[in-house]
Amino acid sequence: APALRVGWMLADAPLMRRCTVAKQTADLCTSPLTQSVAACYLASGRYPATVQRARQEYQRRMQALVQGLNAAPDSGIRCSRPAGGMFVWAELDRRIDPQKLFDAAVALGVIYVPGKAFYPAAPDLHTLRMSFAAPEVPQIAQAVERLCQAAAQSR
C-alpha cells in the first residue's frame, strides 16, 4: 500500500524473521495507525476487486502505448507488450539519433528514460523505457503522437 507506506509479505518463518529485522533496522517501526488502516481495509474484503480494477486500467494504458507506437508506420520506434510491470521497452530504428530524439521529445513535453541507463556495460543506445503508470489513455495517445513527431525530427 504505497500511499500508506505499508507493505506485507508471506514467507517461511526464518525468512520472515530476517526480513523483519532488516526492516526494523531500516526504519525502526511502521506507524501503528497506517498498519491499522491497512488491516481494516484488508479485512473488509475489498482488496481483490481493487486489484482487478487496477489491472484492467493499467492494461488499457499499456495497450494504448504499445498499440499506438506500433501502429505508427514510419515512427522508427517498435515495442512489444510487456509480461508485467508498468514500463514498455522500445527499440529505435538505427537511423534515429538517440540524443536528438531525447532532446526533441523533451521539447515536445514527452519524457522517457534512455535505455542506456539499464545496461551495466556496452549499452544499446537505440533503446528506451517508457512508463504508462501515471498518464491517462488520452495523455498516452498525445504522448505517442509527440514521440513520433520527435522521431521524425531525429533522423
C-alpha atoms as a PDB file:
ATOM      1  CA  ALA A   1       0.000   0.000   0.000  1.00  0.00           C
ATOM      2  CA  PRO A   2       2.321   2.758  -1.234  1.00  0.00           C
ATOM      3  CA  ALA A   3       0.216   5.700  -0.036  1.00  0.00           C
ATOM      4  CA  LEU A   4       0.215   4.279   3.482  1.00  0.00           C
ATOM      5  CA  ARG A   5       3.883   3.261   3.323  1.00  0.00           C
ATOM      6  CA  VAL A   6       2.807  -0.179   4.479  1.00  0.00           C
ATOM      7  CA  GLY A   7       3.614  -3.475   2.851  1.00  0.00           C
ATOM      8  CA  TRP A   8       3.087  -7.115   3.682  1.00  0.00           C
ATOM      9  CA  MET A   9       4.537 -10.410   2.658  1.00  0.00           C
ATOM     10  CA  LEU A  10       4.126 -14.134   3.056  1.00  0.00           C
ATOM     11  CA  ALA A  11       7.252 -16.173   3.724  1.00  0.00           C
ATOM     12  CA  ASP A  12       8.636 -19.091   5.679  1.00  0.00           C
ATOM     13  CA  ALA A  13       9.324 -18.234   9.322  1.00  0.00           C
ATOM     14  CA  PRO A  14      13.159 -17.992   9.050  1.00  0.00           C
ATOM     15  CA  LEU A  15      12.951 -15.649   6.063  1.00  0.00           C
ATOM     16  CA  MET A  16      10.178 -13.624   7.675  1.00  0.00           C
ATOM     17  CA  ARG A  17      12.289 -13.151  10.796  1.00  0.00           C
ATOM     18  CA  ARG A  18      15.284 -11.948   8.752  1.00  0.00           C
ATOM     19  CA  CYS A  19      13.124  -9.546   6.750  1.00  0.00           C
ATOM     20  CA  THR A  20      11.548  -8.190   9.933  1.00  0.00           C
ATOM     21  CA  VAL A  21      14.971  -7.488  11.424  1.00  0.00           C
ATOM     22  CA  ALA A  22      16.129  -5.835   8.185  1.00  0.00           C
ATOM     23  CA  LYS A  23      13.048  -3.615   8.107  1.00  0.00           C
ATOM     24  CA  GLN A  24      13.377  -2.642  11.754  1.00  0.00           C
ATOM     25  CA  THR A  25      16.996  -1.736  11.111  1.00  0.00           C
ATOM     26  CA  ALA A  26      15.943   0.475   8.210  1.00  0.00           C
ATOM     27  CA  ASP A  27      13.130   2.479   9.839  1.00  0.00           C
ATOM     28  CA  LEU A  28      12.633   1.280  13.432  1.00  0.00           C
ATOM     29  CA  CYS A  29       8.881   0.767  13.035  1.00  0.00           C
ATOM     30  CA  THR A  30       5.900   1.388  10.799  1.00  0.00           C
ATOM     31  CA  SER A  31       3.190   3.702  12.047  1.00  0.00           C
ATOM     32  CA  PRO A  32       0.625   1.758  14.087  1.00  0.00           C
ATOM     33  CA  LEU A  33      -2.118   3.958  12.623  1.00  0.00           C
ATOM     34  CA  THR A  34      -1.271   3.113   8.999  1.00  0.00           C
ATOM     35  CA  GLN A  35      -0.896  -0.565   9.910  1.00  0.00           C
ATOM     36  CA  SER A  36      -4.370  -0.463  11.456  1.00  0.00           C
ATOM     37  CA  VAL A  37      -5.820   1.243   8.365  1.00  0.00           C
ATOM     38  CA  ALA A  38      -4.259  -1.428   6.130  1.00  0.00           C
ATOM     39  CA  ALA A  39      -5.504  -4.250   8.377  1.00  0.00           C
ATOM     40  CA  CYS A  40      -9.074  -2.873   8.382  1.00  0.00           C
ATOM     41  CA  TYR A  41      -9.037  -2.460   4.620  1.00  0.00           C
ATOM     42  CA  LEU A  42      -7.744  -5.981   4.039  1.00  0.00           C
ATOM     43  CA  ALA A  43     -10.359  -7.367   6.432  1.00  0.00           C
ATOM     44  CA  SER A  44     -13.128  -5.534   4.515  1.00  0.00           C
ATOM     45  CA  GLY A  45     -12.740  -7.885   1.538  1.00  0.00           C
ATOM     46  CA  ARG A  46     -12.471  -5.023  -0.976  1.00  0.00           C
ATOM     47  CA  TYR A  47      -8.846  -5.632  -1.907  1.00  0.00           C
ATOM     48  CA  PRO A  48      -9.363  -8.249  -4.692  1.00  0.00           C
ATOM     49  CA  ALA A  49     -11.842  -6.033  -6.578  1.00  0.00           C
ATOM     50  CA  THR A  50      -9.499  -3.058  -6.259  1.00  0.00           C
ATOM     51  CA  VAL A  51      -6.639  -5.071  -7.704  1.00  0.00           C
ATOM     52  CA  GLN A  52      -8.840  -6.245 -10.587  1.00  0.00           C
ATOM     53  CA  ARG A  53      -9.905  -2.680 -11.430  1.00  0.00           C
ATOM     54  CA  ALA A  54      -6.286  -1.509 -11.301  1.00  0.00           C
ATOM     55  CA  ARG A  55      -5.158  -4.367 -13.557  1.00  0.00           C
ATOM     56  CA  GLN A  56      -7.819  -3.506 -16.125  1.00  0.00           C
ATOM     57  CA  GLU A  57      -6.923   0.185 -16.115  1.00  0.00           C
ATOM     58  CA  TYR A  58      -3.189  -0.406 -16.397  1.00  0.00           C
ATOM     59  CA  GLN A  59      -3.819  -2.880 -19.196  1.00  0.00           C
ATOM     60  CA  ARG A  60      -5.760  -0.189 -21.095  1.00  0.00           C
ATOM     61  CA  ARG A  61      -2.892   2.246 -20.609  1.00  0.00           C
ATOM     62  CA  MET A  62      -0.258  -0.277 -21.651  1.00  0.00           C
ATOM     63  CA  GLN A  63      -2.243  -1.217 -24.761  1.00  0.00           C
ATOM     64  CA  ALA A  64      -2.657   2.446 -25.710  1.00  0.00           C
ATOM     65  CA  LEU A  65       1.108   2.900 -25.569  1.00  0.00           C
ATOM     66  CA  VAL A  66       2.134  -0.327 -27.308  1.00  0.00           C
ATOM     67  CA  GLN A  67      -0.569  -0.269 -29.975  1.00  0.00           C
ATOM     68  CA  GLY A  68      -0.123   3.452 -30.552  1.00  0.00           C
ATOM     69  CA  LEU A  69       3.598   3.153 -31.180  1.00  0.00           C
ATOM     70  CA  ASN A  70       3.346   0.013 -33.275  1.00  0.00           C
ATOM     71  CA  ALA A  71       0.512   1.498 -35.366  1.00  0.00           C
ATOM     72  CA  ALA A  72       2.656   4.467 -36.423  1.00  0.00           C
ATOM     73  CA  PRO A  73       4.136   3.015 -39.620  1.00  0.00           C
ATOM     74  CA  ASP A  74       7.140   5.302 -40.036  1.00  0.00           C
ATOM     75  CA  SER A  75       7.943   6.239 -36.448  1.00  0.00           C
ATOM     76  CA  GLY A  76      11.020   4.047 -36.228  1.00  0.00           C
ATOM     77  CA  ILE A  77      10.020   3.035 -32.703  1.00  0.00           C
ATOM     78  CA  ARG A  78       8.952  -0.550 -32.025  1.00  0.00           C
ATOM     79  CA  CYS A  79       7.955  -2.182 -28.790  1.00  0.00           C
ATOM     80  CA  SER A  80       6.339  -5.359 -27.562  1.00  0.00           C
ATOM     81  CA  ARG A  81       3.754  -5.947 -24.897  1.00  0.00           C
ATOM     82  CA  PRO A  82       5.444  -6.377 -21.514  1.00  0.00           C
ATOM     83  CA  ALA A  83       4.765  -9.517 -19.467  1.00  0.00           C
ATOM     84  CA  GLY A  84       4.263  -7.363 -16.380  1.00  0.00           C
ATOM     85  CA  GLY A  85       5.254  -4.159 -14.663  1.00  0.00           C
ATOM     86  CA  MET A  86       4.500  -0.550 -15.506  1.00  0.00           C
ATOM     87  CA  PHE A  87       7.018   0.014 -18.276  1.00  0.00           C
ATOM     88  CA  VAL A  88       7.360  -0.597 -22.000  1.00  0.00           C
ATOM     89  CA  TRP A  89      10.775  -1.267 -23.527  1.00  0.00           C
ATOM     90  CA  ALA A  90      11.249   0.045 -27.048  1.00  0.00           C
ATOM     91  CA  GLU A  91      13.863  -0.173 -29.765  1.00  0.00           C
ATOM     92  CA  LEU A  92      14.695   2.618 -32.197  1.00  0.00           C
ATOM     93  CA  ASP A  93      15.444   2.395 -35.874  1.00  0.00           C
ATOM     94  CA  ARG A  94      19.221   2.800 -36.276  1.00  0.00           C
ATOM     95  CA  ARG A  95      18.653   5.883 -38.444  1.00  0.00           C
ATOM     96  CA  ILE A  96      17.300   7.761 -35.417  1.00  0.00           C
ATOM     97  CA  ASP A  97      19.863   9.707 -33.403  1.00  0.00           C
ATOM     98  CA  PRO A  98      19.034   8.773 -29.778  1.00  0.00           C
ATOM     99  CA  GLN A  99      20.206  12.085 -28.282  1.00  0.00           C
ATOM    100  CA  LYS A 100      18.321  14.129 -30.873  1.00  0.00           C
ATOM    101  CA  LEU A 101      15.212  12.050 -30.153  1.00  0.00           C
ATOM    102  CA  PHE A 102      15.501  12.649 -26.431  1.00  0.00           C
ATOM    103  CA  ASP A 103      16.009  16.398 -26.880  1.00  0.00           C
ATOM    104  CA  ALA A 104      13.136  16.682 -29.365  1.00  0.00           C
ATOM    105  CA  ALA A 105      10.820  14.612 -27.146  1.00  0.00           C
ATOM    106  CA  VAL A 106      11.563  16.759 -24.087  1.00  0.00           C
ATOM    107  CA  ALA A 107      10.969  19.913 -26.156  1.00  0.00           C
ATOM    108  CA  LEU A 108       7.549  18.471 -27.065  1.00  0.00           C
ATOM    109  CA  GLY A 109       6.730  17.639 -23.431  1.00  0.00           C
ATOM    110  CA  VAL A 110       7.446  13.900 -23.519  1.00  0.00           C
ATOM    111  CA  ILE A 111       9.924  12.267 -21.163  1.00  0.00           C
ATOM    112  CA  TYR A 112      11.256   8.728 -21.056  1.00  0.00           C
ATOM    113  CA  VAL A 113      14.384   7.030 -19.772  1.00  0.00           C
ATOM    114  CA  PRO A 114      17.031   6.306 -22.402  1.00  0.00           C
ATOM    115  CA  GLY A 115      17.769   2.587 -22.482  1.00  0.00           C
ATOM    116  CA  LYS A 116      21.477   3.120 -21.884  1.00  0.00           C
ATOM    117  CA  ALA A 117      20.678   3.670 -18.193  1.00  0.00           C
ATOM    118  CA  PHE A 118      19.767  -0.029 -17.886  1.00  0.00           C
ATOM    119  CA  TYR A 119      22.986  -1.566 -19.187  1.00  0.00           C
ATOM    120  CA  PRO A 120      25.963  -2.155 -16.882  1.00  0.00           C
ATOM    121  CA  ALA A 121      28.300  -2.152 -19.887  1.00  0.00           C
ATOM    122  CA  ALA A 122      28.111  -1.718 -23.669  1.00  0.00           C
ATOM    123  CA  PRO A 123      24.662  -0.076 -23.693  1.00  0.00           C
ATOM    124  CA  ASP A 124      22.361  -0.242 -26.669  1.00  0.00           C
ATOM    125  CA  LEU A 125      21.810   3.462 -27.311  1.00  0.00           C
ATOM    126  CA  HIS A 126      18.851   2.746 -29.563  1.00  0.00           C
ATOM    127  CA  THR A 127      16.554   1.647 -26.736  1.00  0.00           C
ATOM    128  CA  LEU A 128      14.282   3.406 -24.280  1.00  0.00           C
ATOM    129  CA  ARG A 129      11.908   2.685 -21.409  1.00  0.00           C
ATOM    130  CA  MET A 130       8.535   4.369 -21.021  1.00  0.00           C
ATOM    131  CA  SER A 131       6.113   4.271 -18.116  1.00  0.00           C
ATOM    132  CA  PHE A 132       2.369   4.033 -18.592  1.00  0.00           C
ATOM    133  CA  ALA A 133       1.531   4.149 -14.879  1.00  0.00           C
ATOM    134  CA  ALA A 134       0.635   7.817 -14.382  1.00  0.00           C
ATOM    135  CA  PRO A 135      -0.877   9.201 -17.605  1.00  0.00           C
ATOM    136  CA  GLU A 136      -4.459   8.527 -18.660  1.00  0.00           C
ATOM    137  CA  VAL A 137      -5.168   6.937 -22.063  1.00  0.00           C
ATOM    138  CA  PRO A 138      -5.787  10.296 -23.839  1.00  0.00           C
ATOM    139  CA  GLN A 139      -2.478  11.615 -22.496  1.00  0.00           C
ATOM    140  CA  ILE A 140      -0.727   8.459 -23.697  1.00  0.00           C
ATOM    141  CA  ALA A 141      -2.203   8.920 -27.184  1.00  0.00           C
ATOM    142  CA  GLN A 142      -0.937  12.504 -27.221  1.00  0.00           C
ATOM    143  CA  ALA A 143       2.493  11.409 -25.979  1.00  0.00           C
ATOM    144  CA  VAL A 144       2.714   8.752 -28.703  1.00  0.00           C
ATOM    145  CA  GLU A 145       1.880  11.354 -31.329  1.00  0.00           C
ATOM    146  CA  ARG A 146       4.510  13.726 -29.975  1.00  0.00           C
ATOM    147  CA  LEU A 147       7.128  10.993 -29.660  1.00  0.00           C
ATOM    148  CA  CYS A 148       6.550  10.009 -33.280  1.00  0.00           C
ATOM    149  CA  GLN A 149       6.932  13.661 -34.259  1.00  0.00           C
ATOM    150  CA  ALA A 150      10.208  13.814 -32.299  1.00  0.00           C
ATOM    151  CA  ALA A 151      11.412  10.649 -34.025  1.00  0.00           C
ATOM    152  CA  ALA A 152      10.735  12.191 -37.433  1.00  0.00           C
ATOM    153  CA  GLN A 153      12.862  15.192 -36.405  1.00  0.00           C
ATOM    154  CA  SER A 154      15.707  12.948 -35.235  1.00  0.00           C
ATOM    155  CA  ARG A 155      16.709  11.201 -38.427  1.00  0.00           C
END
